Structures are given as C-alpha cells and as structure tokens.
PDB file of N, CA and C in Angstrom:
ATOM      1  N   MET A   1     -16.511  11.262  25.192  1.00  0.00           N
ATOM      2  CA  MET A   1     -16.185  11.356  23.709  1.00  0.00           C
ATOM      3  C   MET A   1     -16.775  10.268  23.070  1.00  0.00           C
ATOM      4  N   THR A   2     -17.627  10.607  22.085  1.00  0.00           N
ATOM      5  CA  THR A   2     -18.327   9.502  21.333  1.00  0.00           C
ATOM      6  C   THR A   2     -17.329   9.120  20.071  1.00  0.00           C
ATOM      7  N   THR A   3     -17.186   7.908  19.955  1.00  0.00           N
ATOM      8  CA  THR A   3     -16.430   7.219  18.692  1.00  0.00           C
ATOM      9  C   THR A   3     -17.526   6.860  17.682  1.00  0.00           C
ATOM     10  N   ILE A   4     -17.023   7.138  16.511  1.00  0.00           N
ATOM     11  CA  ILE A   4     -17.848   6.710  15.394  1.00  0.00           C
ATOM     12  C   ILE A   4     -17.090   5.440  14.593  1.00  0.00           C
ATOM     13  N   PRO A   5     -17.781   4.511  14.516  1.00  0.00           N
ATOM     14  CA  PRO A   5     -17.110   3.307  13.848  1.00  0.00           C
ATOM     15  C   PRO A   5     -16.639   3.527  12.469  1.00  0.00           C
ATOM     16  N   PHE A   6     -15.470   3.221  11.973  1.00  0.00           N
ATOM     17  CA  PHE A   6     -14.974   3.473  10.583  1.00  0.00           C
ATOM     18  C   PHE A   6     -15.987   3.169   9.505  1.00  0.00           C
ATOM     19  N   ARG A   7     -16.604   1.750   9.665  1.00  0.00           N
ATOM     20  CA  ARG A   7     -17.638   1.536   8.581  1.00  0.00           C
ATOM     21  C   ARG A   7     -18.639   2.429   8.419  1.00  0.00           C
ATOM     22  N   ASP A   8     -19.236   3.113   9.550  1.00  0.00           N
ATOM     23  CA  ASP A   8     -20.314   4.017   9.398  1.00  0.00           C
ATOM     24  C   ASP A   8     -19.766   5.303   8.500  1.00  0.00           C
ATOM     25  N   THR A   9     -18.541   5.734   8.804  1.00  0.00           N
ATOM     26  CA  THR A   9     -18.143   6.899   8.166  1.00  0.00           C
ATOM     27  C   THR A   9     -17.869   6.557   6.608  1.00  0.00           C
ATOM     28  N   ARG A  10     -17.041   5.325   6.373  1.00  0.00           N
ATOM     29  CA  ARG A  10     -16.942   4.983   5.078  1.00  0.00           C
ATOM     30  C   ARG A  10     -18.260   4.788   4.270  1.00  0.00           C
ATOM     31  N   ASP A  11     -19.231   4.268   4.791  1.00  0.00           N
ATOM     32  CA  ASP A  11     -20.423   3.905   4.207  1.00  0.00           C
ATOM     33  C   ASP A  11     -21.214   5.392   3.854  1.00  0.00           C
ATOM     34  N   ARG A  12     -21.105   6.271   4.742  1.00  0.00           N
ATOM     35  CA  ARG A  12     -21.594   7.565   4.626  1.00  0.00           C
ATOM     36  C   ARG A  12     -20.847   8.176   3.487  1.00  0.00           C
ATOM     37  N   LEU A  13     -19.465   8.281   3.357  1.00  0.00           N
ATOM     38  CA  LEU A  13     -18.817   8.933   2.335  1.00  0.00           C
ATOM     39  C   LEU A  13     -19.202   8.236   0.950  1.00  0.00           C
ATOM     40  N   MET A  14     -18.950   6.990   0.911  1.00  0.00           N
ATOM     41  CA  MET A  14     -19.166   6.149  -0.247  1.00  0.00           C
ATOM     42  C   MET A  14     -20.519   6.444  -0.993  1.00  0.00           C
ATOM     43  N   ALA A  15     -21.381   6.861  -0.116  1.00  0.00           N
ATOM     44  CA  ALA A  15     -22.877   7.154  -0.704  1.00  0.00           C
ATOM     45  C   ALA A  15     -22.811   8.336  -1.583  1.00  0.00           C
ATOM     46  N   ASP A  16     -21.641   9.163  -1.349  1.00  0.00           N
ATOM     47  CA  ASP A  16     -21.507  10.429  -2.299  1.00  0.00           C
ATOM     48  C   ASP A  16     -20.881   9.871  -3.484  1.00  0.00           C
ATOM     49  N   PRO A  17     -21.591  10.003  -4.723  1.00  0.00           N
ATOM     50  CA  PRO A  17     -20.985   9.695  -5.948  1.00  0.00           C
ATOM     51  C   PRO A  17     -19.638  10.359  -6.349  1.00  0.00           C
ATOM     52  N   GLU A  18     -19.347  11.541  -6.040  1.00  0.00           N
ATOM     53  CA  GLU A  18     -18.090  12.140  -6.408  1.00  0.00           C
ATOM     54  C   GLU A  18     -17.120  11.521  -5.478  1.00  0.00           C
ATOM     55  N   PHE A  19     -17.257  11.339  -4.255  1.00  0.00           N
ATOM     56  CA  PHE A  19     -16.258  10.733  -3.245  1.00  0.00           C
ATOM     57  C   PHE A  19     -15.898   9.401  -3.806  1.00  0.00           C
ATOM     58  N   LYS A  20     -17.092   8.643  -4.077  1.00  0.00           N
ATOM     59  CA  LYS A  20     -16.810   7.229  -4.558  1.00  0.00           C
ATOM     60  C   LYS A  20     -16.045   7.225  -5.763  1.00  0.00           C
ATOM     61  N   ARG A  21     -16.128   7.890  -6.747  1.00  0.00           N
ATOM     62  CA  ARG A  21     -15.379   8.005  -7.881  1.00  0.00           C
ATOM     63  C   ARG A  21     -14.023   8.475  -7.724  1.00  0.00           C
ATOM     64  N   GLU A  22     -13.692   9.404  -6.960  1.00  0.00           N
ATOM     65  CA  GLU A  22     -12.342   9.615  -6.551  1.00  0.00           C
ATOM     66  C   GLU A  22     -11.628   8.429  -5.690  1.00  0.00           C
ATOM     67  N   TYR A  23     -12.394   7.784  -4.939  1.00  0.00           N
ATOM     68  CA  TYR A  23     -11.876   6.737  -4.039  1.00  0.00           C
ATOM     69  C   TYR A  23     -11.486   5.659  -5.002  1.00  0.00           C
ATOM     70  N   ASP A  24     -12.559   5.208  -5.918  1.00  0.00           N
ATOM     71  CA  ASP A  24     -12.189   4.133  -6.943  1.00  0.00           C
ATOM     72  C   ASP A  24     -10.922   4.558  -7.700  1.00  0.00           C
ATOM     73  N   ALA A  25     -10.852   5.588  -8.133  1.00  0.00           N
ATOM     74  CA  ALA A  25      -9.717   6.002  -8.808  1.00  0.00           C
ATOM     75  C   ALA A  25      -8.377   5.753  -8.057  1.00  0.00           C
ATOM     76  N   LEU A  26      -8.333   5.639  -6.821  1.00  0.00           N
ATOM     77  CA  LEU A  26      -7.057   5.346  -6.265  1.00  0.00           C
ATOM     78  C   LEU A  26      -6.960   3.804  -5.795  1.00  0.00           C
ATOM     79  N   GLU A  27      -7.903   3.093  -6.270  1.00  0.00           N
ATOM     80  CA  GLU A  27      -7.622   1.487  -6.164  1.00  0.00           C
ATOM     81  C   GLU A  27      -6.546   0.940  -6.356  1.00  0.00           C
ATOM     82  N   GLU A  28      -5.733   1.152  -7.548  1.00  0.00           N
ATOM     83  CA  GLU A  28      -4.539   0.631  -7.825  1.00  0.00           C
ATOM     84  C   GLU A  28      -3.440   1.014  -6.769  1.00  0.00           C
ATOM     85  N   ASP A  29      -3.448   2.429  -6.344  1.00  0.00           N
ATOM     86  CA  ASP A  29      -2.512   2.740  -5.332  1.00  0.00           C
ATOM     87  C   ASP A  29      -2.715   2.004  -3.937  1.00  0.00           C
ATOM     88  N   PHE A  30      -3.968   2.018  -3.505  1.00  0.00           N
ATOM     89  CA  PHE A  30      -4.410   1.261  -2.264  1.00  0.00           C
ATOM     90  C   PHE A  30      -3.871  -0.298  -2.524  1.00  0.00           C
ATOM     91  N   SER A  31      -3.983  -0.968  -3.653  1.00  0.00           N
ATOM     92  CA  SER A  31      -3.742  -2.271  -3.745  1.00  0.00           C
ATOM     93  C   SER A  31      -2.198  -2.651  -3.602  1.00  0.00           C
ATOM     94  N   LEU A  32      -1.361  -1.608  -4.202  1.00  0.00           N
ATOM     95  CA  LEU A  32       0.005  -1.768  -4.179  1.00  0.00           C
ATOM     96  C   LEU A  32       0.517  -1.527  -2.644  1.00  0.00           C
ATOM     97  N   VAL A  33      -0.070  -0.370  -1.997  1.00  0.00           N
ATOM     98  CA  VAL A  33       0.296  -0.144  -0.645  1.00  0.00           C
ATOM     99  C   VAL A  33      -0.162  -1.454   0.249  1.00  0.00           C
ATOM    100  N   LYS A  34      -1.229  -1.937   0.102  1.00  0.00           N
ATOM    101  CA  LYS A  34      -1.764  -3.112   1.007  1.00  0.00           C
ATOM    102  C   LYS A  34      -0.668  -4.342   0.681  1.00  0.00           C
ATOM    103  N   ALA A  35      -0.259  -4.503  -0.467  1.00  0.00           N
ATOM    104  CA  ALA A  35       0.539  -5.701  -0.751  1.00  0.00           C
ATOM    105  C   ALA A  35       1.913  -5.550  -0.228  1.00  0.00           C
ATOM    106  N   MET A  36       2.428  -4.268  -0.147  1.00  0.00           N
ATOM    107  CA  MET A  36       3.765  -4.057   0.271  1.00  0.00           C
ATOM    108  C   MET A  36       3.719  -4.226   1.978  1.00  0.00           C
ATOM    109  N   ILE A  37       2.769  -3.647   2.449  1.00  0.00           N
ATOM    110  CA  ILE A  37       2.702  -3.748   4.011  1.00  0.00           C
ATOM    111  C   ILE A  37       2.249  -5.371   4.363  1.00  0.00           C
ATOM    112  N   ARG A  38       1.603  -5.918   3.622  1.00  0.00           N
ATOM    113  CA  ARG A  38       1.229  -7.372   3.915  1.00  0.00           C
ATOM    114  C   ARG A  38       2.552  -8.116   3.769  1.00  0.00           C
ATOM    115  N   ALA A  39       3.338  -7.887   2.778  1.00  0.00           N
ATOM    116  CA  ALA A  39       4.784  -8.658   2.578  1.00  0.00           C
ATOM    117  C   ALA A  39       5.422  -8.382   3.829  1.00  0.00           C
ATOM    118  N   ARG A  40       5.624  -7.095   4.286  1.00  0.00           N
ATOM    119  CA  ARG A  40       6.352  -6.867   5.375  1.00  0.00           C
ATOM    120  C   ARG A  40       5.959  -7.414   6.645  1.00  0.00           C
ATOM    121  N   ASP A  41       4.564  -7.416   6.851  1.00  0.00           N
ATOM    122  CA  ASP A  41       4.003  -8.065   8.006  1.00  0.00           C
ATOM    123  C   ASP A  41       4.220  -9.499   8.004  1.00  0.00           C
ATOM    124  N   ARG A  42       4.007 -10.101   6.765  1.00  0.00           N
ATOM    125  CA  ARG A  42       4.340 -11.625   6.712  1.00  0.00           C
ATOM    126  C   ARG A  42       5.762 -12.084   7.018  1.00  0.00           C
ATOM    127  N   ALA A  43       6.673 -11.197   6.672  1.00  0.00           N
ATOM    128  CA  ALA A  43       8.025 -11.454   6.942  1.00  0.00           C
ATOM    129  C   ALA A  43       8.393 -11.077   8.563  1.00  0.00           C
ATOM    130  N   GLY A  44       7.378 -10.438   9.099  1.00  0.00           N
ATOM    131  CA  GLY A  44       7.562 -10.204  10.687  1.00  0.00           C
ATOM    132  C   GLY A  44       8.707  -9.043  10.775  1.00  0.00           C
ATOM    133  N   LEU A  45       8.656  -8.192   9.905  1.00  0.00           N
ATOM    134  CA  LEU A  45       9.660  -7.032   9.833  1.00  0.00           C
ATOM    135  C   LEU A  45       8.958  -5.728  10.090  1.00  0.00           C
ATOM    136  N   THR A  46       9.685  -4.712  10.672  1.00  0.00           N
ATOM    137  CA  THR A  46       9.345  -3.459  10.830  1.00  0.00           C
ATOM    138  C   THR A  46       9.842  -2.626   9.655  1.00  0.00           C
ATOM    139  N   GLN A  47       9.388  -1.343   9.526  1.00  0.00           N
ATOM    140  CA  GLN A  47      10.044  -0.507   8.570  1.00  0.00           C
ATOM    141  C   GLN A  47      11.340  -0.277   8.686  1.00  0.00           C
ATOM    142  N   THR A  48      11.936  -0.248   9.915  1.00  0.00           N
ATOM    143  CA  THR A  48      13.312  -0.093  10.274  1.00  0.00           C
ATOM    144  C   THR A  48      14.045  -1.321   9.711  1.00  0.00           C
ATOM    145  N   ASP A  49      13.577  -2.512   9.991  1.00  0.00           N
ATOM    146  CA  ASP A  49      14.178  -3.854   9.434  1.00  0.00           C
ATOM    147  C   ASP A  49      14.302  -3.711   8.098  1.00  0.00           C
ATOM    148  N   VAL A  50      13.215  -3.490   7.264  1.00  0.00           N
ATOM    149  CA  VAL A  50      13.359  -3.414   5.842  1.00  0.00           C
ATOM    150  C   VAL A  50      14.318  -2.142   5.250  1.00  0.00           C
ATOM    151  N   ALA A  51      14.239  -1.128   6.083  1.00  0.00           N
ATOM    152  CA  ALA A  51      15.296  -0.112   5.648  1.00  0.00           C
ATOM    153  C   ALA A  51      16.666  -0.543   5.767  1.00  0.00           C
ATOM    154  N   ARG A  52      17.062  -1.265   6.743  1.00  0.00           N
ATOM    155  CA  ARG A  52      18.456  -1.838   6.999  1.00  0.00           C
ATOM    156  C   ARG A  52      18.753  -2.737   5.848  1.00  0.00           C
ATOM    157  N   ALA A  53      17.842  -3.519   5.530  1.00  0.00           N
ATOM    158  CA  ALA A  53      18.090  -4.652   4.568  1.00  0.00           C
ATOM    159  C   ALA A  53      18.298  -3.831   3.131  1.00  0.00           C
ATOM    160  N   MET A  54      17.588  -2.782   3.028  1.00  0.00           N
ATOM    161  CA  MET A  54      17.767  -2.139   1.621  1.00  0.00           C
ATOM    162  C   MET A  54      18.668  -1.027   1.643  1.00  0.00           C
ATOM    163  N   GLY A  55      19.277  -0.676   2.856  1.00  0.00           N
ATOM    164  CA  GLY A  55      20.270   0.261   2.827  1.00  0.00           C
ATOM    165  C   GLY A  55      19.958   1.758   2.730  1.00  0.00           C
ATOM    166  N   VAL A  56      18.608   1.900   3.223  1.00  0.00           N
ATOM    167  CA  VAL A  56      17.901   3.311   3.082  1.00  0.00           C
ATOM    168  C   VAL A  56      17.456   3.644   4.482  1.00  0.00           C
ATOM    169  N   SER A  57      16.941   4.668   4.786  1.00  0.00           N
ATOM    170  CA  SER A  57      16.222   5.272   6.001  1.00  0.00           C
ATOM    171  C   SER A  57      15.000   4.714   6.136  1.00  0.00           C
ATOM    172  N   GLN A  58      14.450   4.643   7.505  1.00  0.00           N
ATOM    173  CA  GLN A  58      13.145   4.152   7.857  1.00  0.00           C
ATOM    174  C   GLN A  58      12.174   5.345   7.361  1.00  0.00           C
ATOM    175  N   PRO A  59      12.485   6.581   7.223  1.00  0.00           N
ATOM    176  CA  PRO A  59      11.398   7.483   6.627  1.00  0.00           C
ATOM    177  C   PRO A  59      11.221   7.184   4.916  1.00  0.00           C
ATOM    178  N   ARG A  60      12.331   6.737   4.455  1.00  0.00           N
ATOM    179  CA  ARG A  60      12.235   6.292   3.064  1.00  0.00           C
ATOM    180  C   ARG A  60      11.259   5.210   2.745  1.00  0.00           C
ATOM    181  N   ILE A  61      11.469   4.248   3.780  1.00  0.00           N
ATOM    182  CA  ILE A  61      10.444   3.121   3.720  1.00  0.00           C
ATOM    183  C   ILE A  61       9.023   3.590   3.760  1.00  0.00           C
ATOM    184  N   ALA A  62       8.760   4.468   4.627  1.00  0.00           N
ATOM    185  CA  ALA A  62       7.509   4.935   4.921  1.00  0.00           C
ATOM    186  C   ALA A  62       6.952   5.724   3.612  1.00  0.00           C
ATOM    187  N   ARG A  63       7.892   6.236   2.847  1.00  0.00           N
ATOM    188  CA  ARG A  63       7.574   7.098   1.644  1.00  0.00           C
ATOM    189  C   ARG A  63       7.376   5.959   0.577  1.00  0.00           C
ATOM    190  N   ILE A  64       8.197   4.794   0.612  1.00  0.00           N
ATOM    191  CA  ILE A  64       7.867   3.864  -0.445  1.00  0.00           C
ATOM    192  C   ILE A  64       6.486   3.180  -0.220  1.00  0.00           C
ATOM    193  N   GLU A  65       6.201   2.797   1.207  1.00  0.00           N
ATOM    194  CA  GLU A  65       4.829   2.303   1.454  1.00  0.00           C
ATOM    195  C   GLU A  65       3.668   3.179   1.238  1.00  0.00           C
ATOM    196  N   SER A  66       3.906   4.480   0.961  1.00  0.00           N
ATOM    197  CA  SER A  66       2.903   5.437   0.442  1.00  0.00           C
ATOM    198  C   SER A  66       2.417   5.111  -0.838  1.00  0.00           C
ATOM    199  N   GLY A  67       3.375   4.255  -1.687  1.00  0.00           N
ATOM    200  CA  GLY A  67       2.912   4.017  -3.045  1.00  0.00           C
ATOM    201  C   GLY A  67       3.145   4.954  -4.118  1.00  0.00           C
ATOM    202  N   LYS A  68       3.568   6.302  -3.732  1.00  0.00           N
ATOM    203  CA  LYS A  68       3.656   7.266  -4.712  1.00  0.00           C
ATOM    204  C   LYS A  68       5.075   7.240  -5.431  1.00  0.00           C
ATOM    205  N   ASN A  69       5.023   7.204  -6.585  1.00  0.00           N
ATOM    206  CA  ASN A  69       6.409   7.446  -7.376  1.00  0.00           C
ATOM    207  C   ASN A  69       7.484   6.396  -7.090  1.00  0.00           C
ATOM    208  N   VAL A  70       6.982   5.215  -6.927  1.00  0.00           N
ATOM    209  CA  VAL A  70       8.024   4.026  -6.568  1.00  0.00           C
ATOM    210  C   VAL A  70       8.426   3.267  -7.911  1.00  0.00           C
ATOM    211  N   SER A  71       9.615   3.222  -8.204  1.00  0.00           N
ATOM    212  CA  SER A  71      10.085   2.501  -9.363  1.00  0.00           C
ATOM    213  C   SER A  71      10.086   1.135  -9.181  1.00  0.00           C
ATOM    214  N   LEU A  72      10.034   0.428 -10.382  1.00  0.00           N
ATOM    215  CA  LEU A  72      10.117  -1.008 -10.297  1.00  0.00           C
ATOM    216  C   LEU A  72      11.403  -1.582  -9.687  1.00  0.00           C
ATOM    217  N   GLU A  73      12.239  -1.037  -9.960  1.00  0.00           N
ATOM    218  CA  GLU A  73      13.639  -1.345  -9.132  1.00  0.00           C
ATOM    219  C   GLU A  73      13.648  -1.444  -7.677  1.00  0.00           C
ATOM    220  N   THR A  74      12.951  -0.255  -7.128  1.00  0.00           N
ATOM    221  CA  THR A  74      12.676  -0.209  -5.782  1.00  0.00           C
ATOM    222  C   THR A  74      11.707  -1.232  -5.296  1.00  0.00           C
ATOM    223  N   LEU A  75      10.665  -1.557  -6.096  1.00  0.00           N
ATOM    224  CA  LEU A  75       9.803  -2.706  -5.750  1.00  0.00           C
ATOM    225  C   LEU A  75      10.358  -3.949  -5.632  1.00  0.00           C
ATOM    226  N   LYS A  76      11.421  -4.270  -6.475  1.00  0.00           N
ATOM    227  CA  LYS A  76      12.175  -5.406  -6.449  1.00  0.00           C
ATOM    228  C   LYS A  76      13.017  -5.425  -5.344  1.00  0.00           C
ATOM    229  N   ARG A  77      13.718  -4.372  -4.863  1.00  0.00           N
ATOM    230  CA  ARG A  77      14.623  -4.374  -3.562  1.00  0.00           C
ATOM    231  C   ARG A  77      13.727  -4.528  -2.474  1.00  0.00           C
ATOM    232  N   TYR A  78      12.544  -3.958  -2.349  1.00  0.00           N
ATOM    233  CA  TYR A  78      11.523  -4.022  -1.372  1.00  0.00           C
ATOM    234  C   TYR A  78      11.211  -5.478  -1.193  1.00  0.00           C
ATOM    235  N   ALA A  79      10.775  -6.255  -2.339  1.00  0.00           N
ATOM    236  CA  ALA A  79      10.533  -7.704  -2.289  1.00  0.00           C
ATOM    237  C   ALA A  79      11.590  -8.370  -1.861  1.00  0.00           C
ATOM    238  N   HIS A  80      12.742  -8.144  -2.095  1.00  0.00           N
ATOM    239  CA  HIS A  80      13.912  -8.946  -1.837  1.00  0.00           C
ATOM    240  C   HIS A  80      14.071  -8.936  -0.458  1.00  0.00           C
ATOM    241  N   ALA A  81      14.073  -7.603   0.241  1.00  0.00           N
ATOM    242  CA  ALA A  81      14.092  -7.371   1.565  1.00  0.00           C
ATOM    243  C   ALA A  81      13.129  -8.054   2.476  1.00  0.00           C
ATOM    244  N   THR A  82      11.913  -8.260   1.916  1.00  0.00           N
ATOM    245  CA  THR A  82      10.902  -8.936   2.661  1.00  0.00           C
ATOM    246  C   THR A  82      10.769 -10.263   2.389  1.00  0.00           C
ATOM    247  N   GLY A  83      11.612 -10.836   1.629  1.00  0.00           N
ATOM    248  CA  GLY A  83      11.544 -12.432   1.241  1.00  0.00           C
ATOM    249  C   GLY A  83      10.490 -12.684   0.526  1.00  0.00           C
ATOM    250  N   SER A  84      10.052 -11.759  -0.274  1.00  0.00           N
ATOM    251  CA  SER A  84       8.909 -11.923  -1.250  1.00  0.00           C
ATOM    252  C   SER A  84       9.452 -12.040  -2.690  1.00  0.00           C
ATOM    253  N   LYS A  85       8.499 -12.555  -3.561  1.00  0.00           N
ATOM    254  CA  LYS A  85       8.677 -12.505  -4.999  1.00  0.00           C
ATOM    255  C   LYS A  85       7.790 -11.371  -5.556  1.00  0.00           C
ATOM    256  N   LEU A  86       8.248 -10.493  -6.338  1.00  0.00           N
ATOM    257  CA  LEU A  86       7.699  -9.392  -7.033  1.00  0.00           C
ATOM    258  C   LEU A  86       6.891  -9.959  -8.328  1.00  0.00           C
ATOM    259  N   THR A  87       5.607  -9.905  -8.284  1.00  0.00           N
ATOM    260  CA  THR A  87       4.882 -10.221  -9.533  1.00  0.00           C
ATOM    261  C   THR A  87       3.941  -8.819  -9.814  1.00  0.00           C
ATOM    262  N   VAL A  88       3.923  -8.725 -11.252  1.00  0.00           N
ATOM    263  CA  VAL A  88       3.048  -7.713 -11.705  1.00  0.00           C
ATOM    264  C   VAL A  88       2.047  -8.420 -12.655  1.00  0.00           C
ATOM    265  N   ASP A  89       0.833  -7.923 -12.516  1.00  0.00           N
ATOM    266  CA  ASP A  89      -0.229  -8.507 -13.330  1.00  0.00           C
ATOM    267  C   ASP A  89      -1.126  -7.369 -13.741  1.00  0.00           C
ATOM    268  N   PHE A  90      -1.523  -7.612 -14.909  1.00  0.00           N
ATOM    269  CA  PHE A  90      -2.717  -6.743 -15.520  1.00  0.00           C
ATOM    270  C   PHE A  90      -4.093  -7.254 -15.602  1.00  0.00           C
ATOM    271  N   GLU A  91      -4.898  -6.827 -14.856  1.00  0.00           N
ATOM    272  CA  GLU A  91      -6.358  -7.509 -14.991  1.00  0.00           C
ATOM    273  C   GLU A  91      -7.271  -6.584 -15.746  1.00  0.00           C
ATOM    274  N   ARG A  92      -8.157  -7.186 -16.479  1.00  0.00           N
ATOM    275  CA  ARG A  92      -9.171  -6.575 -17.187  1.00  0.00           C
ATOM    276  C   ARG A  92     -10.122  -5.808 -16.379  1.00  0.00           C
ATOM    277  N   ARG A  93     -10.355  -4.527 -16.562  1.00  0.00           N
ATOM    278  CA  ARG A  93     -11.347  -3.752 -15.883  1.00  0.00           C
ATOM    279  C   ARG A  93     -12.619  -4.132 -16.075  1.00  0.00           C
ATOM    280  N   ASN A  94     -13.432  -4.121 -15.007  1.00  0.00           N
ATOM    281  CA  ASN A  94     -14.736  -4.289 -15.071  1.00  0.00           C
ATOM    282  C   ASN A  94     -15.559  -3.067 -15.562  1.00  0.00           C
ATOM    283  N   GLY A  95     -16.463  -3.156 -16.530  1.00  0.00           N
ATOM    284  CA  GLY A  95     -17.098  -1.946 -16.901  1.00  0.00           C
ATOM    285  C   GLY A  95     -16.591  -1.293 -18.023  1.00  0.00           C
TER     286      GLY A  95
END
C-alpha cells in the first residue's frame, strides 16, 4: 500500500481555485477549532476530562470542538475547564 503525504494532497487540492476559495472561507472555523484543541492539549486534558469539568458528555465536547454553533457562554465554560482565558479579537481582513 502506497501512502501519499498530506502536503502533496493539500498542495494538489489548493491548486484548484474553487477548492481554495471554499477552504479559505472556513478559516475562521478552523482557527477556533485549533485554539480550543490547543488549550485542551496545553492543559494536558482529554475530551473526557473537559466534559467532566463542564458537566457534559464527551461526545458533547467533540461537537463543541467541531466549532459549529458554539455559543459564547459555552466557549467561556470551555476556557474555564481548560484553565484558559477566553479572548475574542477582530482582525482586519487582507484584501
């Protein structure tokens, strides 16, 4: 079985203007997801640990970490559970 490095696949897909446009449109979602997972990892916690701290189920944490339809209140609770401080910032878009 031959494996294809992720970078090769990503570079091939990003060469397609339509794919790149759609991928770039998800940048904010990806940024939020990465920040949440980074906070949990930095705290040395599993999804189950965070779930216990928040009083929810592990599958709920998985849904929260998907970044879809997450309320500000939930983000505050997640930050508290991971020993993090939640900050929200608006940056000027390029272009």
